[in-house]
Amino acid sequence: MFRTRLISGIMLVLIALVVIITGGPVLAATLFIISEIGVFELYRVLKVQDAGFSPLAAVGYLGTAAYYAIVFFAGSAYTMTVLLATLILCMGVYVFTYPRYRSDQVTGAFFGVVYVAVMLSCIYELRILDKGVYLVWLVFLASWGCDTCAYCVGKLIGKHKMTPKLSPKKSVEGGIGGVAGAAILGAVYGLAIAGKMGDGSHIASFAVICAAGGLISMVGDLAASAIKRNHDIKDYGHLIPGHGGILDRFDSVILIAPVIYYLALALL
C-alpha cells in the first residue's frame, strides 16, 4: 500500500508540475475535468447521483461546465450569472420531478458546484495573475506543507486533541506546527524567487498567505472527513491508487485556493 501510495503521489506531483507550468487552456481543462469528477464523487455520497440518469446531477455537471467556460472565455465578471442559473435550474428540476428529490439533495447539488468547481477554479484565476506562475505554488506549499509539518509535530509532541470525535489523531500542537511550518515554507519560497518578484517585500506576505492557507487547509481536510463520517464511507472514490478519489486528495486544496487567490490580490 505504501509503495502504491508513493508512486501515485509522485505521479500526481509530476502531472501538477507540467499542467501548472504550462497554464492556459491546459490548466483550465485539467481543473474542469478534476472538478467534474469531484462533483460526481460528492453527488454519489449525497445521493444526488444514483445508478441511472439523474436530472438534478446533470444540472450540476452542466453548471460546472458553464462556469469553467465563462471563467476561461469571458473572465470572472459573469460567473454569478452561471451560479444563479444553476440554482434556478436545480429548483426547476426539484419542482417538475417532484417527489423524486428531497430538499437536501437539491441543496447538495448546488453545494457541489460551489464547493468543488468554483473553489478549484481559483487555481486558474491565480495562475493568470501577473506573476501568477510563481504565486500559484503557494496553494500547494500551504496545503502539503501544513499537512506534512502538522503530522511531524503531532507525532513528536502532540498531546491535546483538536477534534477528538472527528479526527482523534490530529492534535492542537500538530495544527500549530503545521501553520508555522507553512509560514516558514512560504518565506523560504519567497526568498528563493526574490529575483523574480522584485524588491523582496513579498517575503513577509508569502509567509502570511501560507500561514492563513495552512490554517484553512485543516478546515478543508476535516470538513471532507466530516462529510464522509456523516455518510459512513471511507473514501470518496478509488480513482487514485492509494489515495482514494479526487476529493480525498484535493480536500484541503479546495478550500485553500480561493483564500490564497484573494490574499494574493490584497497583499501583493
C-alpha atoms as a PDB file:
ATOM      1  CA  MET A   1       0.000   0.000   0.000  1.00  0.00           C
ATOM      2  CA  PHE A   2       2.797   2.425   0.912  1.00  0.00           C
ATOM      3  CA  ARG A   3       4.587   1.777  -2.375  1.00  0.00           C
ATOM      4  CA  THR A   4       1.378   2.281  -4.353  1.00  0.00           C
ATOM      5  CA  ARG A   5       0.621   5.496  -2.475  1.00  0.00           C
ATOM      6  CA  LEU A   6       4.173   6.764  -3.015  1.00  0.00           C
ATOM      7  CA  ILE A   7       4.162   6.059  -6.753  1.00  0.00           C
ATOM      8  CA  SER A   8       0.743   7.683  -7.155  1.00  0.00           C
ATOM      9  CA  GLY A   9       1.906  10.706  -5.165  1.00  0.00           C
ATOM     10  CA  ILE A  10       4.992  11.135  -7.340  1.00  0.00           C
ATOM     11  CA  MET A  11       2.885  10.876 -10.495  1.00  0.00           C
ATOM     12  CA  LEU A  12       0.460  13.486  -9.171  1.00  0.00           C
ATOM     13  CA  VAL A  13       3.308  15.887  -8.420  1.00  0.00           C
ATOM     14  CA  LEU A  14       4.796  15.423 -11.899  1.00  0.00           C
ATOM     15  CA  ILE A  15       1.425  15.981 -13.562  1.00  0.00           C
ATOM     16  CA  ALA A  16       0.824  19.061 -11.403  1.00  0.00           C
ATOM     17  CA  LEU A  17       4.219  20.475 -12.385  1.00  0.00           C
ATOM     18  CA  VAL A  18       3.584  20.059 -16.110  1.00  0.00           C
ATOM     19  CA  VAL A  19      -0.008  21.326 -16.027  1.00  0.00           C
ATOM     20  CA  ILE A  20       0.578  24.360 -13.785  1.00  0.00           C
ATOM     21  CA  ILE A  21       3.767  25.458 -15.520  1.00  0.00           C
ATOM     22  CA  THR A  22       2.011  25.166 -18.893  1.00  0.00           C
ATOM     23  CA  GLY A  23      -1.037  27.077 -17.636  1.00  0.00           C
ATOM     24  CA  GLY A  24      -3.604  28.461 -20.073  1.00  0.00           C
ATOM     25  CA  PRO A  25      -6.078  26.071 -21.714  1.00  0.00           C
ATOM     26  CA  VAL A  26      -4.221  23.006 -20.377  1.00  0.00           C
ATOM     27  CA  LEU A  27      -4.647  24.111 -16.758  1.00  0.00           C
ATOM     28  CA  ALA A  28      -8.246  25.218 -17.301  1.00  0.00           C
ATOM     29  CA  ALA A  29      -9.176  21.929 -18.981  1.00  0.00           C
ATOM     30  CA  THR A  30      -7.439  19.867 -16.279  1.00  0.00           C
ATOM     31  CA  LEU A  31      -9.209  21.737 -13.482  1.00  0.00           C
ATOM     32  CA  PHE A  32     -12.502  21.315 -15.315  1.00  0.00           C
ATOM     33  CA  ILE A  33     -12.045  17.545 -15.577  1.00  0.00           C
ATOM     34  CA  ILE A  34     -10.943  17.293 -11.939  1.00  0.00           C
ATOM     35  CA  SER A  35     -13.965  19.364 -10.905  1.00  0.00           C
ATOM     36  CA  GLU A  36     -16.432  17.233 -12.841  1.00  0.00           C
ATOM     37  CA  ILE A  37     -15.018  14.068 -11.269  1.00  0.00           C
ATOM     38  CA  GLY A  38     -15.067  15.677  -7.819  1.00  0.00           C
ATOM     39  CA  VAL A  39     -18.676  16.799  -8.273  1.00  0.00           C
ATOM     40  CA  PHE A  40     -19.594  13.272  -9.363  1.00  0.00           C
ATOM     41  CA  GLU A  41     -17.921  11.775  -6.276  1.00  0.00           C
ATOM     42  CA  LEU A  42     -19.727  14.184  -3.981  1.00  0.00           C
ATOM     43  CA  TYR A  43     -23.058  13.615  -5.704  1.00  0.00           C
ATOM     44  CA  ARG A  44     -22.805   9.874  -5.156  1.00  0.00           C
ATOM     45  CA  VAL A  45     -22.209  10.446  -1.445  1.00  0.00           C
ATOM     46  CA  LEU A  46     -25.076  12.951  -1.150  1.00  0.00           C
ATOM     47  CA  LYS A  47     -27.401  10.690  -3.181  1.00  0.00           C
ATOM     48  CA  VAL A  48     -27.798  13.292  -5.909  1.00  0.00           C
ATOM     49  CA  GLN A  49     -26.347  10.875  -8.459  1.00  0.00           C
ATOM     50  CA  ASP A  50     -27.911   7.434  -8.471  1.00  0.00           C
ATOM     51  CA  ALA A  51     -27.213   4.405 -10.639  1.00  0.00           C
ATOM     52  CA  GLY A  52     -29.159   5.768 -13.590  1.00  0.00           C
ATOM     53  CA  PHE A  53     -29.644   9.173 -15.179  1.00  0.00           C
ATOM     54  CA  SER A  54     -30.195  11.933 -12.643  1.00  0.00           C
ATOM     55  CA  PRO A  55     -31.628  15.209 -13.989  1.00  0.00           C
ATOM     56  CA  LEU A  56     -30.536  17.014 -10.828  1.00  0.00           C
ATOM     57  CA  ALA A  57     -26.968  15.754 -11.133  1.00  0.00           C
ATOM     58  CA  ALA A  58     -26.989  16.672 -14.835  1.00  0.00           C
ATOM     59  CA  VAL A  59     -27.744  20.276 -13.886  1.00  0.00           C
ATOM     60  CA  GLY A  60     -24.713  20.248 -11.591  1.00  0.00           C
ATOM     61  CA  TYR A  61     -22.424  18.857 -14.302  1.00  0.00           C
ATOM     62  CA  LEU A  62     -23.784  21.397 -16.781  1.00  0.00           C
ATOM     63  CA  GLY A  63     -23.333  24.200 -14.257  1.00  0.00           C
ATOM     64  CA  THR A  64     -19.722  23.147 -13.696  1.00  0.00           C
ATOM     65  CA  ALA A  65     -19.030  23.135 -17.447  1.00  0.00           C
ATOM     66  CA  ALA A  66     -20.698  26.512 -17.926  1.00  0.00           C
ATOM     67  CA  TYR A  67     -18.778  28.018 -15.018  1.00  0.00           C
ATOM     68  CA  TYR A  68     -15.401  26.992 -16.437  1.00  0.00           C
ATOM     69  CA  ALA A  69     -16.392  28.142 -19.915  1.00  0.00           C
ATOM     70  CA  ILE A  70     -17.272  31.593 -18.571  1.00  0.00           C
ATOM     71  CA  VAL A  71     -14.093  31.822 -16.465  1.00  0.00           C
ATOM     72  CA  PHE A  72     -11.897  30.858 -19.404  1.00  0.00           C
ATOM     73  CA  PHE A  73     -13.579  32.729 -22.252  1.00  0.00           C
ATOM     74  CA  ALA A  74     -15.166  35.738 -20.534  1.00  0.00           C
ATOM     75  CA  GLY A  75     -13.431  36.173 -17.177  1.00  0.00           C
ATOM     76  CA  SER A  76     -14.963  36.094 -13.719  1.00  0.00           C
ATOM     77  CA  ALA A  77     -17.326  39.052 -14.263  1.00  0.00           C
ATOM     78  CA  TYR A  78     -20.210  36.801 -15.349  1.00  0.00           C
ATOM     79  CA  THR A  79     -19.724  33.842 -13.045  1.00  0.00           C
ATOM     80  CA  MET A  80     -22.522  34.925 -10.709  1.00  0.00           C
ATOM     81  CA  THR A  81     -24.920  34.624 -13.646  1.00  0.00           C
ATOM     82  CA  VAL A  82     -23.916  30.991 -14.092  1.00  0.00           C
ATOM     83  CA  LEU A  83     -24.364  30.235 -10.395  1.00  0.00           C
ATOM     84  CA  LEU A  84     -27.791  31.861 -10.267  1.00  0.00           C
ATOM     85  CA  ALA A  85     -28.861  29.987 -13.411  1.00  0.00           C
ATOM     86  CA  THR A  86     -27.623  26.714 -11.896  1.00  0.00           C
ATOM     87  CA  LEU A  87     -29.608  27.343  -8.714  1.00  0.00           C
ATOM     88  CA  ILE A  88     -32.745  28.178 -10.691  1.00  0.00           C
ATOM     89  CA  LEU A  89     -32.373  25.016 -12.787  1.00  0.00           C
ATOM     90  CA  CYS A  90     -31.884  22.938  -9.637  1.00  0.00           C
ATOM     91  CA  MET A  91     -35.110  24.324  -8.226  1.00  0.00           C
ATOM     92  CA  GLY A  92     -36.844  23.706 -11.560  1.00  0.00           C
ATOM     93  CA  VAL A  93     -35.814  20.043 -11.538  1.00  0.00           C
ATOM     94  CA  TYR A  94     -36.932  19.791  -7.909  1.00  0.00           C
ATOM     95  CA  VAL A  95     -40.372  21.120  -8.798  1.00  0.00           C
ATOM     96  CA  PHE A  96     -41.025  19.313 -12.070  1.00  0.00           C
ATOM     97  CA  THR A  97     -39.751  15.909 -10.936  1.00  0.00           C
ATOM     98  CA  TYR A  98     -41.373  16.069  -7.508  1.00  0.00           C
ATOM     99  CA  PRO A  99     -41.278  13.935  -5.369  1.00  0.00           C
ATOM    100  CA  ARG A 100     -38.151  12.280  -6.836  1.00  0.00           C
ATOM    101  CA  TYR A 101     -35.723  14.517  -4.907  1.00  0.00           C
ATOM    102  CA  ARG A 102     -35.664  15.815  -1.350  1.00  0.00           C
ATOM    103  CA  SER A 103     -34.682  19.376  -0.464  1.00  0.00           C
ATOM    104  CA  ASP A 104     -31.331  18.235   0.956  1.00  0.00           C
ATOM    105  CA  GLN A 105     -30.462  16.656  -2.400  1.00  0.00           C
ATOM    106  CA  VAL A 106     -31.252  19.909  -4.184  1.00  0.00           C
ATOM    107  CA  THR A 107     -29.092  21.956  -1.829  1.00  0.00           C
ATOM    108  CA  GLY A 108     -26.392  19.283  -2.162  1.00  0.00           C
ATOM    109  CA  ALA A 109     -26.448  19.604  -5.958  1.00  0.00           C
ATOM    110  CA  PHE A 110     -25.850  23.353  -5.818  1.00  0.00           C
ATOM    111  CA  PHE A 111     -23.333  22.995  -2.995  1.00  0.00           C
ATOM    112  CA  GLY A 112     -21.305  20.571  -5.118  1.00  0.00           C
ATOM    113  CA  VAL A 113     -20.846  23.133  -7.889  1.00  0.00           C
ATOM    114  CA  VAL A 114     -19.708  25.849  -5.472  1.00  0.00           C
ATOM    115  CA  TYR A 115     -17.653  23.618  -3.183  1.00  0.00           C
ATOM    116  CA  VAL A 116     -15.735  21.807  -5.920  1.00  0.00           C
ATOM    117  CA  ALA A 117     -15.906  23.684  -9.224  1.00  0.00           C
ATOM    118  CA  VAL A 118     -15.912  27.303  -8.075  1.00  0.00           C
ATOM    119  CA  MET A 119     -13.275  26.779  -5.404  1.00  0.00           C
ATOM    120  CA  LEU A 120     -10.867  24.852  -7.642  1.00  0.00           C
ATOM    121  CA  SER A 121     -11.255  27.371 -10.470  1.00  0.00           C
ATOM    122  CA  CYS A 122      -9.426  29.870  -8.254  1.00  0.00           C
ATOM    123  CA  ILE A 123      -6.214  27.981  -9.063  1.00  0.00           C
ATOM    124  CA  TYR A 124      -6.657  29.048 -12.677  1.00  0.00           C
ATOM    125  CA  GLU A 125      -7.603  32.582 -11.616  1.00  0.00           C
ATOM    126  CA  LEU A 126      -4.442  32.757  -9.519  1.00  0.00           C
ATOM    127  CA  ARG A 127      -2.287  31.384 -12.345  1.00  0.00           C
ATOM    128  CA  ILE A 128      -3.369  34.083 -14.815  1.00  0.00           C
ATOM    129  CA  LEU A 129      -2.483  36.940 -12.451  1.00  0.00           C
ATOM    130  CA  ASP A 130       0.686  38.933 -13.019  1.00  0.00           C
ATOM    131  CA  LYS A 131       3.460  36.731 -11.562  1.00  0.00           C
ATOM    132  CA  GLY A 132       0.828  34.013 -11.268  1.00  0.00           C
ATOM    133  CA  VAL A 133       3.297  31.377 -12.448  1.00  0.00           C
ATOM    134  CA  TYR A 134       5.052  31.901  -9.104  1.00  0.00           C
ATOM    135  CA  LEU A 135       2.044  32.695  -6.919  1.00  0.00           C
ATOM    136  CA  VAL A 136       0.080  29.559  -7.791  1.00  0.00           C
ATOM    137  CA  TRP A 137       2.584  27.351  -5.954  1.00  0.00           C
ATOM    138  CA  LEU A 138       1.575  28.987  -2.669  1.00  0.00           C
ATOM    139  CA  VAL A 139      -1.602  26.874  -2.790  1.00  0.00           C
ATOM    140  CA  PHE A 140       0.358  23.636  -2.695  1.00  0.00           C
ATOM    141  CA  LEU A 141       3.030  24.893  -0.323  1.00  0.00           C
ATOM    142  CA  ALA A 142       0.347  25.855   2.180  1.00  0.00           C
ATOM    143  CA  SER A 143      -1.639  22.640   1.754  1.00  0.00           C
ATOM    144  CA  TRP A 144       1.017  19.967   1.560  1.00  0.00           C
ATOM    145  CA  GLY A 145       3.488  21.885   3.732  1.00  0.00           C
ATOM    146  CA  CYS A 146       0.993  22.310   6.540  1.00  0.00           C
ATOM    147  CA  ASP A 147      -0.088  18.677   6.315  1.00  0.00           C
ATOM    148  CA  THR A 148       3.492  17.377   6.486  1.00  0.00           C
ATOM    149  CA  CYS A 149       4.594  19.705   9.290  1.00  0.00           C
ATOM    150  CA  ALA A 150       1.422  19.057  11.293  1.00  0.00           C
ATOM    151  CA  TYR A 151       1.983  15.310  11.025  1.00  0.00           C
ATOM    152  CA  CYS A 152       5.617  15.543  12.156  1.00  0.00           C
ATOM    153  CA  VAL A 153       4.971  17.917  15.060  1.00  0.00           C
ATOM    154  CA  GLY A 154       1.906  15.966  16.124  1.00  0.00           C
ATOM    155  CA  LYS A 155       3.895  12.745  16.196  1.00  0.00           C
ATOM    156  CA  LEU A 156       6.637  14.335  18.270  1.00  0.00           C
ATOM    157  CA  ILE A 157       4.786  16.445  20.850  1.00  0.00           C
ATOM    158  CA  GLY A 158       1.062  16.186  20.123  1.00  0.00           C
ATOM    159  CA  LYS A 159      -0.987  15.787  23.308  1.00  0.00           C
ATOM    160  CA  HIS A 160      -4.167  17.853  23.073  1.00  0.00           C
ATOM    161  CA  LYS A 161      -6.788  16.555  20.642  1.00  0.00           C
ATOM    162  CA  MET A 162      -8.042  19.109  18.134  1.00  0.00           C
ATOM    163  CA  THR A 163     -11.318  17.397  17.182  1.00  0.00           C
ATOM    164  CA  PRO A 164     -11.474  14.150  19.203  1.00  0.00           C
ATOM    165  CA  LYS A 165     -14.767  12.945  17.747  1.00  0.00           C
ATOM    166  CA  LEU A 166     -13.976  13.791  14.141  1.00  0.00           C
ATOM    167  CA  SER A 167     -10.251  13.087  13.841  1.00  0.00           C
ATOM    168  CA  PRO A 168      -8.734  11.698  17.060  1.00  0.00           C
ATOM    169  CA  LYS A 169      -5.187  11.620  15.663  1.00  0.00           C
ATOM    170  CA  LYS A 170      -4.986  15.360  14.963  1.00  0.00           C
ATOM    171  CA  SER A 171      -3.588  17.465  17.799  1.00  0.00           C
ATOM    172  CA  VAL A 172      -3.570  21.166  18.645  1.00  0.00           C
ATOM    173  CA  GLU A 173       0.226  21.073  18.755  1.00  0.00           C
ATOM    174  CA  GLY A 174       0.298  19.489  15.309  1.00  0.00           C
ATOM    175  CA  GLY A 175      -2.044  22.156  13.986  1.00  0.00           C
ATOM    176  CA  ILE A 176       0.138  24.965  15.325  1.00  0.00           C
ATOM    177  CA  GLY A 177       3.229  23.270  13.920  1.00  0.00           C
ATOM    178  CA  GLY A 178       1.527  22.894  10.556  1.00  0.00           C
ATOM    179  CA  VAL A 179       0.596  26.574  10.322  1.00  0.00           C
ATOM    180  CA  ALA A 180       4.070  27.652  11.466  1.00  0.00           C
ATOM    181  CA  GLY A 181       5.696  25.228   9.032  1.00  0.00           C
ATOM    182  CA  ALA A 182       3.583  26.532   6.151  1.00  0.00           C
ATOM    183  CA  ALA A 183       4.562  30.109   7.031  1.00  0.00           C
ATOM    184  CA  ILE A 184       8.261  29.200   7.085  1.00  0.00           C
ATOM    185  CA  LEU A 185       7.977  27.392   3.754  1.00  0.00           C
ATOM    186  CA  GLY A 186       6.227  30.423   2.285  1.00  0.00           C
ATOM    187  CA  ALA A 187       9.003  32.732   3.465  1.00  0.00           C
ATOM    188  CA  VAL A 188      11.727  30.383   2.175  1.00  0.00           C
ATOM    189  CA  TYR A 189       9.963  30.116  -1.182  1.00  0.00           C
ATOM    190  CA  GLY A 190       9.644  33.900  -1.326  1.00  0.00           C
ATOM    191  CA  LEU A 191      13.342  34.246  -0.642  1.00  0.00           C
ATOM    192  CA  ALA A 192      14.171  31.679  -3.310  1.00  0.00           C
ATOM    193  CA  ILE A 193      12.294  33.574  -6.025  1.00  0.00           C
ATOM    194  CA  ALA A 194      13.164  37.068  -4.785  1.00  0.00           C
ATOM    195  CA  GLY A 195      14.809  37.892  -8.093  1.00  0.00           C
ATOM    196  CA  LYS A 196      11.595  37.100  -9.972  1.00  0.00           C
ATOM    197  CA  MET A 197       9.259  39.077  -7.687  1.00  0.00           C
ATOM    198  CA  GLY A 198      11.129  42.363  -7.308  1.00  0.00           C
ATOM    199  CA  ASP A 199      12.429  44.054  -4.164  1.00  0.00           C
ATOM    200  CA  GLY A 200      11.806  41.255  -1.652  1.00  0.00           C
ATOM    201  CA  SER A 201       8.854  42.926   0.067  1.00  0.00           C
ATOM    202  CA  HIS A 202       6.741  39.927  -0.880  1.00  0.00           C
ATOM    203  CA  ILE A 203       8.533  37.540   1.511  1.00  0.00           C
ATOM    204  CA  ALA A 204       6.532  38.522   4.609  1.00  0.00           C
ATOM    205  CA  SER A 205       3.325  38.434   2.556  1.00  0.00           C
ATOM    206  CA  PHE A 206       4.159  34.929   1.339  1.00  0.00           C
ATOM    207  CA  ALA A 207       4.587  33.816   4.955  1.00  0.00           C
ATOM    208  CA  VAL A 208       1.235  35.347   5.970  1.00  0.00           C
ATOM    209  CA  ILE A 209      -0.549  33.880   2.945  1.00  0.00           C
ATOM    210  CA  CYS A 210       0.832  30.384   3.553  1.00  0.00           C
ATOM    211  CA  ALA A 211       0.029  30.567   7.284  1.00  0.00           C
ATOM    212  CA  ALA A 212      -3.579  31.517   6.507  1.00  0.00           C
ATOM    213  CA  GLY A 213      -3.728  28.845   3.820  1.00  0.00           C
ATOM    214  CA  GLY A 214      -2.346  26.256   6.232  1.00  0.00           C
ATOM    215  CA  LEU A 215      -4.987  27.120   8.804  1.00  0.00           C
ATOM    216  CA  ILE A 216      -7.766  26.819   6.221  1.00  0.00           C
ATOM    217  CA  SER A 217      -6.271  23.587   4.871  1.00  0.00           C
ATOM    218  CA  MET A 218      -7.001  21.887   8.195  1.00  0.00           C
ATOM    219  CA  VAL A 219     -10.610  23.049   7.965  1.00  0.00           C
ATOM    220  CA  GLY A 220     -10.820  21.664   4.431  1.00  0.00           C
ATOM    221  CA  ASP A 221      -9.377  18.321   5.467  1.00  0.00           C
ATOM    222  CA  LEU A 222     -11.656  17.997   8.483  1.00  0.00           C
ATOM    223  CA  ALA A 223     -14.725  19.164   6.554  1.00  0.00           C
ATOM    224  CA  ALA A 224     -14.206  16.459   3.938  1.00  0.00           C
ATOM    225  CA  SER A 225     -13.765  13.915   6.748  1.00  0.00           C
ATOM    226  CA  ALA A 226     -16.961  15.116   8.419  1.00  0.00           C
ATOM    227  CA  ILE A 227     -18.949  14.565   5.228  1.00  0.00           C
ATOM    228  CA  LYS A 228     -17.547  11.043   4.910  1.00  0.00           C
ATOM    229  CA  ARG A 229     -18.371  10.254   8.531  1.00  0.00           C
ATOM    230  CA  ASN A 230     -21.904  11.589   8.120  1.00  0.00           C
ATOM    231  CA  HIS A 231     -22.413   9.172   5.237  1.00  0.00           C
ATOM    232  CA  ASP A 232     -20.383   6.234   6.610  1.00  0.00           C
ATOM    233  CA  ILE A 233     -17.818   5.979   3.826  1.00  0.00           C
ATOM    234  CA  LYS A 234     -14.037   5.606   3.969  1.00  0.00           C
ATOM    235  CA  ASP A 235     -13.096   7.235   0.655  1.00  0.00           C
ATOM    236  CA  TYR A 236     -14.892   9.326  -1.932  1.00  0.00           C
ATOM    237  CA  GLY A 237     -13.622   7.096  -4.729  1.00  0.00           C
ATOM    238  CA  HIS A 238     -10.821   4.839  -5.961  1.00  0.00           C
ATOM    239  CA  LEU A 239      -9.507   6.821  -8.906  1.00  0.00           C
ATOM    240  CA  ILE A 240      -6.046   7.478  -7.417  1.00  0.00           C
ATOM    241  CA  PRO A 241      -4.395   4.252  -6.169  1.00  0.00           C
ATOM    242  CA  GLY A 242      -3.505   4.519  -2.510  1.00  0.00           C
ATOM    243  CA  HIS A 243      -5.157   7.925  -2.132  1.00  0.00           C
ATOM    244  CA  GLY A 244      -8.840   7.358  -2.871  1.00  0.00           C
ATOM    245  CA  GLY A 245     -10.807   9.751  -5.018  1.00  0.00           C
ATOM    246  CA  ILE A 246     -10.290  13.290  -6.236  1.00  0.00           C
ATOM    247  CA  LEU A 247     -11.917  14.741  -3.118  1.00  0.00           C
ATOM    248  CA  ASP A 248      -9.721  12.619  -0.859  1.00  0.00           C
ATOM    249  CA  ARG A 249      -6.589  14.108  -2.443  1.00  0.00           C
ATOM    250  CA  PHE A 250      -7.782  17.678  -3.025  1.00  0.00           C
ATOM    251  CA  ASP A 251      -9.906  18.201   0.103  1.00  0.00           C
ATOM    252  CA  SER A 252      -7.614  20.846   1.621  1.00  0.00           C
ATOM    253  CA  VAL A 253      -6.657  22.421  -1.723  1.00  0.00           C
ATOM    254  CA  ILE A 254     -10.344  23.085  -2.458  1.00  0.00           C
ATOM    255  CA  LEU A 255     -10.717  25.472   0.468  1.00  0.00           C
ATOM    256  CA  ILE A 256      -7.221  26.942   0.216  1.00  0.00           C
ATOM    257  CA  ALA A 257      -7.382  28.008  -3.452  1.00  0.00           C
ATOM    258  CA  PRO A 258      -9.817  30.939  -3.038  1.00  0.00           C
ATOM    259  CA  VAL A 259      -8.116  32.048   0.205  1.00  0.00           C
ATOM    260  CA  ILE A 260      -4.693  32.213  -1.481  1.00  0.00           C
ATOM    261  CA  TYR A 261      -6.171  33.927  -4.523  1.00  0.00           C
ATOM    262  CA  TYR A 262      -7.880  36.739  -2.629  1.00  0.00           C
ATOM    263  CA  LEU A 263      -4.987  37.202  -0.192  1.00  0.00           C
ATOM    264  CA  ALA A 264      -2.621  37.488  -3.160  1.00  0.00           C
ATOM    265  CA  LEU A 265      -4.854  40.180  -4.641  1.00  0.00           C
ATOM    266  CA  ALA A 266      -4.932  42.047  -1.327  1.00  0.00           C
ATOM    267  CA  LEU A 267      -1.313  41.731  -0.199  1.00  0.00           C
ATOM    268  CA  LEU A 268       0.817  41.549  -3.348  1.00  0.00           C
END
